[in-house]
N, C-alpha and C. Protein backbone atom coordinates (compact mmCIF):
# COMPACT_ATOMS: atom_id res chain seq x y z
N UNK A 1 -50.19 33.55 40.50
CA UNK A 1 -50.50 34.27 40.30
C UNK A 1 -51.33 35.59 41.07
N UNK A 2 -52.47 34.45 42.49
CA UNK A 2 -53.05 35.54 43.32
C UNK A 2 -51.85 35.95 44.46
N UNK A 3 -50.82 34.74 44.56
CA UNK A 3 -50.40 35.28 45.92
C UNK A 3 -49.60 36.56 45.66
N UNK A 4 -49.13 36.47 44.80
CA UNK A 4 -48.20 37.97 43.98
C UNK A 4 -49.10 39.42 43.64
N UNK A 5 -49.71 39.18 43.19
CA UNK A 5 -51.16 40.19 43.58
C UNK A 5 -51.12 41.02 44.69
N UNK A 6 -51.75 39.46 45.20
CA UNK A 6 -52.02 40.12 46.56
C UNK A 6 -50.79 40.25 47.68
N UNK A 7 -49.38 39.84 47.30
CA UNK A 7 -48.45 40.59 48.17
C UNK A 7 -47.82 42.32 47.76
N UNK A 8 -48.12 42.24 46.19
CA UNK A 8 -48.52 43.82 45.75
C UNK A 8 -49.26 44.50 46.62
N UNK A 9 -50.33 44.13 46.69
CA UNK A 9 -51.28 45.72 47.37
C UNK A 9 -51.01 45.17 49.10
N UNK A 10 -50.18 44.53 49.54
CA UNK A 10 -49.74 44.80 51.04
C UNK A 10 -48.64 45.37 51.01
N UNK A 11 -47.65 44.84 49.84
CA UNK A 11 -47.07 46.30 49.92
C UNK A 11 -46.95 47.39 49.35
N UNK A 12 -47.97 48.03 48.73
CA UNK A 12 -48.55 49.15 48.20
C UNK A 12 -49.18 49.30 49.78
N UNK A 13 -49.84 48.77 50.14
CA UNK A 13 -50.26 49.42 51.53
C UNK A 13 -50.10 49.72 52.43
N UNK A 14 -48.52 49.06 52.47
CA UNK A 14 -47.32 49.62 53.89
C UNK A 14 -47.38 50.44 53.27
N UNK A 15 -46.85 50.73 52.53
CA UNK A 15 -46.21 51.97 52.09
C UNK A 15 -47.01 53.43 52.39
N UNK A 16 -48.33 52.82 51.56
CA UNK A 16 -48.82 54.37 51.94
C UNK A 16 -49.58 54.76 53.29
N UNK A 17 -49.69 53.59 53.82
CA UNK A 17 -49.68 53.61 55.32
C UNK A 17 -48.53 54.02 56.62
N UNK A 18 -47.61 54.03 56.11
CA UNK A 18 -45.42 54.44 56.83
C UNK A 18 -45.46 55.88 56.28
N UNK A 19 -46.38 56.96 55.42
CA UNK A 19 -46.51 58.00 54.21
C UNK A 19 -47.18 59.31 55.08
N UNK A 20 -49.01 58.43 55.54
CA UNK A 20 -49.21 58.89 56.61
C UNK A 20 -49.80 58.82 58.20
N UNK A 21 -50.09 59.93 58.40
CA UNK A 21 -49.86 60.08 60.27
C UNK A 21 -51.79 59.00 60.80
N UNK A 22 -51.36 58.14 61.68
CA UNK A 22 -52.72 57.61 61.90
C UNK A 22 -54.29 58.39 61.97
N UNK A 23 -54.75 57.68 62.07
CA UNK A 23 -56.14 58.48 62.35
C UNK A 23 -56.83 58.34 63.75
N UNK A 24 -57.18 59.02 64.16
CA UNK A 24 -58.41 58.97 65.44
C UNK A 24 -59.50 58.31 65.36
N UNK A 25 -60.00 57.46 65.75
CA UNK A 25 -60.96 56.48 65.54
C UNK A 25 -61.68 56.67 66.90
N UNK A 26 -62.89 56.56 67.18
CA UNK A 26 -63.50 56.80 68.55
C UNK A 26 -64.84 56.18 68.46
N UNK A 27 -64.97 55.82 69.61
CA UNK A 27 -66.30 54.36 69.76
C UNK A 27 -66.82 55.25 70.90
N UNK A 28 -68.37 55.37 71.13
CA UNK A 28 -68.88 56.19 71.78
C UNK A 28 -68.19 56.88 73.52
N UNK A 29 -67.34 57.08 72.24
CA UNK A 29 -66.59 58.93 73.32
C UNK A 29 -64.91 58.30 73.45
N UNK A 30 -64.49 56.73 73.47
CA UNK A 30 -63.68 56.04 73.37
C UNK A 30 -62.53 56.03 72.28
N UNK A 31 -61.20 56.57 72.35
CA UNK A 31 -60.52 56.77 71.02
C UNK A 31 -59.81 55.12 71.12
N UNK A 32 -59.72 55.01 69.96
CA UNK A 32 -59.09 53.53 69.59
C UNK A 32 -57.86 53.46 69.44
N UNK A 33 -56.35 52.84 70.06
CA UNK A 33 -55.27 52.42 70.15
C UNK A 33 -55.01 52.96 69.05
N UNK A 34 -54.10 53.39 67.83
CA UNK A 34 -53.30 52.68 66.83
C UNK A 34 -52.27 51.78 66.93
N UNK A 35 -52.03 50.87 66.73
CA UNK A 35 -51.52 49.09 66.58
C UNK A 35 -50.30 49.70 65.70
N UNK A 36 -49.38 49.59 66.52
CA UNK A 36 -47.60 49.27 65.43
C UNK A 36 -48.29 48.15 64.65
N UNK A 37 -47.43 48.64 63.55
CA UNK A 37 -47.51 47.66 62.24
C UNK A 37 -46.39 46.20 62.33
N UNK A 38 -45.81 46.22 63.35
CA UNK A 38 -45.54 45.18 63.65
C UNK A 38 -46.10 43.83 64.87
N UNK A 39 -46.79 44.40 65.68
CA UNK A 39 -47.54 44.01 66.54
C UNK A 39 -48.79 43.47 66.05
N UNK A 40 -49.16 41.66 65.97
CA UNK A 40 -50.02 41.07 65.28
C UNK A 40 -51.26 40.70 65.81
N UNK A 41 -52.34 40.90 64.57
CA UNK A 41 -53.93 40.85 65.42
C UNK A 41 -54.03 39.79 64.39
N UNK A 42 -55.56 39.26 64.61
CA UNK A 42 -56.38 38.56 63.65
C UNK A 42 -57.19 39.74 63.09
N UNK A 43 -57.46 39.37 61.64
CA UNK A 43 -58.05 39.34 60.43
C UNK A 43 -58.99 38.82 60.33
N UNK A 44 -60.41 38.83 60.44
CA UNK A 44 -60.41 37.72 59.52
C UNK A 44 -60.18 36.27 60.21
N UNK A 45 -59.86 35.65 59.55
CA UNK A 45 -59.38 34.41 59.67
C UNK A 45 -57.82 34.24 60.04
N UNK A 46 -56.92 35.40 59.54
CA UNK A 46 -55.36 35.13 59.44
C UNK A 46 -55.00 36.27 60.81
N UNK A 47 -53.70 35.58 61.37
CA UNK A 47 -53.23 36.36 62.37
C UNK A 47 -51.63 37.26 61.59
N UNK A 48 -52.05 38.66 61.86
CA UNK A 48 -50.65 38.83 60.41
C UNK A 48 -50.78 40.50 61.15
N UNK A 49 -49.70 40.87 61.32
CA UNK A 49 -49.12 42.04 61.28
C UNK A 49 -49.30 43.09 59.94
N UNK A 50 -49.00 44.38 59.98
CA UNK A 50 -49.95 46.05 59.50
C UNK A 50 -49.16 45.50 58.27
N UNK A 51 -47.55 45.41 58.87
CA UNK A 51 -46.11 44.85 57.21
C UNK A 51 -46.31 44.06 56.81
N UNK A 52 -47.82 43.10 56.58
CA UNK A 52 -47.81 41.88 55.92
C UNK A 52 -47.42 40.65 56.60
N UNK A 53 -46.69 40.76 57.47
CA UNK A 53 -45.58 39.27 57.97
C UNK A 53 -47.23 38.44 58.60
N UNK A 54 -46.48 37.24 58.13
CA UNK A 54 -48.23 36.07 58.63
C UNK A 54 -47.06 35.12 58.84
N UNK A 55 -45.98 35.02 59.84
CA UNK A 55 -45.51 34.65 61.24
C UNK A 55 -46.58 34.23 62.01
N UNK A 56 -47.79 34.51 62.46
CA UNK A 56 -47.64 34.43 63.61
C UNK A 56 -48.98 33.26 63.26
N UNK A 57 -49.90 33.56 61.50
CA UNK A 57 -50.78 32.29 61.24
C UNK A 57 -49.65 30.95 61.03
N UNK A 58 -48.51 31.17 60.66
CA UNK A 58 -48.07 30.25 60.50
C UNK A 58 -47.79 29.25 61.50
N UNK A 59 -47.75 30.12 62.81
CA UNK A 59 -47.62 29.36 63.75
C UNK A 59 -49.11 28.84 64.19
N UNK A 60 -49.92 29.16 64.21
CA UNK A 60 -51.61 29.37 64.38
C UNK A 60 -51.96 27.68 63.69
N UNK A 61 -51.43 27.85 62.42
CA UNK A 61 -52.41 26.61 61.65
C UNK A 61 -50.63 25.73 62.02
N UNK A 62 -49.73 25.50 62.82
CA UNK A 62 -48.78 25.15 62.72
C UNK A 62 -48.73 24.13 64.37
N UNK A 63 -49.51 24.77 64.81
CA UNK A 63 -49.49 24.28 66.48
C UNK A 63 -51.35 23.88 65.82
N UNK A 64 -52.65 23.88 64.74
CA UNK A 64 -53.32 22.92 65.12
C UNK A 64 -53.08 21.54 64.21
N UNK A 65 -51.74 21.61 63.51
CA UNK A 65 -51.74 20.36 62.63
C UNK A 65 -51.11 19.83 63.68
N UNK A 66 -50.12 19.78 64.71
CA UNK A 66 -49.57 19.31 65.23
C UNK A 66 -50.23 18.19 66.67
N UNK A 67 -51.49 19.32 66.69
CA UNK A 67 -52.69 19.07 67.69
C UNK A 67 -53.42 17.71 67.27
N UNK A 68 -53.95 18.07 65.63
CA UNK A 68 -54.56 17.07 64.84
C UNK A 68 -54.02 15.86 64.71
N UNK A 69 -52.30 15.90 64.63
CA UNK A 69 -51.39 14.57 64.40
C UNK A 69 -51.37 13.48 65.88
N UNK A 70 -51.19 14.61 67.23
CA UNK A 70 -51.17 14.05 68.48
C UNK A 70 -52.09 13.10 68.73
N UNK A 71 -53.71 13.99 68.48
CA UNK A 71 -54.98 13.26 68.63
C UNK A 71 -55.07 12.10 68.44
N UNK A 72 -54.17 11.29 66.81
CA UNK A 72 -54.72 10.57 66.34
C UNK A 72 -53.75 9.19 66.61
N UNK A 73 -52.74 10.06 67.10
CA UNK A 73 -51.31 9.17 67.97
C UNK A 73 -51.90 8.10 68.80
N UNK A 74 -52.54 8.13 70.05
CA UNK A 74 -52.83 7.10 70.75
C UNK A 74 -54.53 6.65 71.30
N UNK A 75 -54.76 7.10 69.57
CA UNK A 75 -56.36 7.10 69.02
C UNK A 75 -57.02 5.39 68.71
N UNK A 76 -58.36 4.48 69.28
CA UNK A 76 -58.13 2.77 68.79
C UNK A 76 -59.12 3.00 67.35
N UNK A 77 -58.69 4.24 66.60
CA UNK A 77 -59.36 4.19 65.44
C UNK A 77 -58.64 3.60 64.14
N UNK A 78 -59.75 2.61 63.53
CA UNK A 78 -59.00 2.12 62.01
C UNK A 78 -58.18 3.08 61.20
N UNK A 79 -57.23 2.48 60.41
CA UNK A 79 -56.18 3.47 59.46
C UNK A 79 -57.41 4.18 58.68
N UNK A 80 -58.33 4.15 58.12
CA UNK A 80 -59.77 4.79 57.13
C UNK A 80 -59.62 6.05 58.45
N UNK A 81 -60.14 5.61 59.50
CA UNK A 81 -60.75 6.95 59.63
C UNK A 81 -59.84 7.88 60.90
N UNK A 82 -58.65 7.22 61.20
CA UNK A 82 -57.35 7.60 61.33
C UNK A 82 -57.56 8.94 60.73
N UNK A 83 -56.85 8.62 58.98
CA UNK A 83 -56.39 9.78 58.34
C UNK A 83 -57.97 10.63 57.90
N UNK A 84 -58.80 10.34 57.76
CA UNK A 84 -59.97 10.64 58.14
C UNK A 84 -60.12 11.90 58.86
N UNK A 85 -59.74 11.94 60.03
CA UNK A 85 -59.49 12.11 61.46
C UNK A 85 -58.91 13.50 61.34
N UNK A 86 -57.58 13.38 60.48
CA UNK A 86 -56.83 13.70 60.12
C UNK A 86 -56.57 14.65 59.09
N UNK A 87 -56.86 14.61 57.83
CA UNK A 87 -57.48 15.64 56.82
C UNK A 87 -58.32 16.29 57.38
N UNK A 88 -60.07 16.17 58.26
CA UNK A 88 -60.33 16.95 58.52
C UNK A 88 -59.42 18.27 59.07
N UNK A 89 -59.52 17.60 60.26
CA UNK A 89 -58.77 18.58 61.55
C UNK A 89 -57.54 18.82 60.97
N UNK A 90 -56.60 19.08 60.71
CA UNK A 90 -55.07 19.06 60.74
C UNK A 90 -55.13 20.22 58.91
N UNK A 91 -55.07 18.74 58.01
CA UNK A 91 -55.43 19.63 56.21
C UNK A 91 -56.28 20.71 56.08
N UNK A 92 -57.05 20.49 56.77
CA UNK A 92 -58.19 21.19 56.31
C UNK A 92 -57.83 23.10 56.73
N UNK A 93 -56.89 23.20 57.97
CA UNK A 93 -56.72 24.70 58.23
C UNK A 93 -55.63 24.78 57.45
N UNK A 94 -54.52 24.11 57.24
CA UNK A 94 -53.95 24.06 55.69
C UNK A 94 -54.01 24.09 54.70
N UNK A 95 -55.14 23.87 54.09
CA UNK A 95 -55.18 24.00 53.45
C UNK A 95 -55.67 26.04 52.44
N UNK A 96 -56.56 26.31 53.96
CA UNK A 96 -57.03 27.09 53.59
C UNK A 96 -56.04 28.44 53.76
N UNK A 97 -54.77 27.80 54.80
CA UNK A 97 -53.92 28.91 54.96
C UNK A 97 -53.06 29.55 53.83
N UNK A 98 -52.93 28.18 52.96
CA UNK A 98 -52.43 27.98 52.14
C UNK A 98 -52.60 29.00 51.01
N UNK A 99 -53.84 28.81 50.49
CA UNK A 99 -53.75 30.25 49.75
C UNK A 99 -53.57 31.59 49.60
N UNK A 100 -53.04 32.27 50.73
CA UNK A 100 -52.61 33.83 50.64
C UNK A 100 -51.43 33.33 51.58
N UNK A 101 -50.88 32.64 52.40
CA UNK A 101 -49.55 32.44 52.89
C UNK A 101 -48.49 32.09 52.23
N UNK A 102 -48.17 32.14 51.72
CA UNK A 102 -45.97 31.00 51.52
C UNK A 102 -45.78 30.23 52.55
N UNK A 103 -45.70 28.52 52.27
CA UNK A 103 -45.10 28.52 53.24
C UNK A 103 -43.55 27.42 52.24
N UNK A 104 -42.25 27.57 54.01
CA UNK A 104 -41.50 26.73 53.11
C UNK A 104 -41.05 25.39 53.35
N UNK A 105 -39.82 24.57 52.25
CA UNK A 105 -39.97 23.45 52.67
C UNK A 105 -39.57 22.72 54.17
N UNK A 106 -38.45 23.86 54.82
CA UNK A 106 -38.78 23.24 56.44
C UNK A 106 -39.69 23.68 56.80
N UNK A 107 -40.11 25.33 56.37
CA UNK A 107 -41.89 25.03 57.23
C UNK A 107 -42.59 23.58 58.08
N UNK A 108 -43.14 23.01 56.45
CA UNK A 108 -43.64 22.36 56.07
C UNK A 108 -42.94 20.60 57.21
N UNK A 109 -41.69 20.87 57.03
CA UNK A 109 -40.53 20.00 57.74
C UNK A 109 -41.31 19.97 59.19
N UNK A 110 -41.01 21.07 59.53
CA UNK A 110 -41.16 20.96 60.84
C UNK A 110 -42.51 20.36 61.75
N UNK A 111 -43.14 20.28 60.85
CA UNK A 111 -44.57 19.73 61.51
C UNK A 111 -44.04 17.89 61.59
N UNK A 112 -43.77 17.33 60.99
CA UNK A 112 -43.12 16.57 60.69
C UNK A 112 -43.84 15.74 62.37
C-alpha cells in the first residue's frame, strides 16, 4: 500500500515538473544548475533520478551486500558471528531500501 502511494506521488510530481520551467536558484550570488531528470543524485539516503528511477540505489545496496558477503568468506569467525556480521552489514542496508524500492527476484538472485 505504501509503495503504491509513493510511486503515485512520484509520478504526479514528475508530470508537474515536466510542465514547469526550472527555477533559477542562487546561493551567495551563484546560480545553481538544474539537474536533468535522468541524472541520479543522492537525497537523504537514496540515490535516484528526478523521474523516480531508483536503479542507482539498487546498485549501491547490491555492492554493499556483496561487500558484506565477501567480508565473511575468508574470515575466521564462528558461523553464528558470521551470520550476525552479515545480517548487520548486508541485510540492514537492504531492509532500509526495501521499504520504498521494489526488487525483482532476478535482482535479488544477482546478489547470491
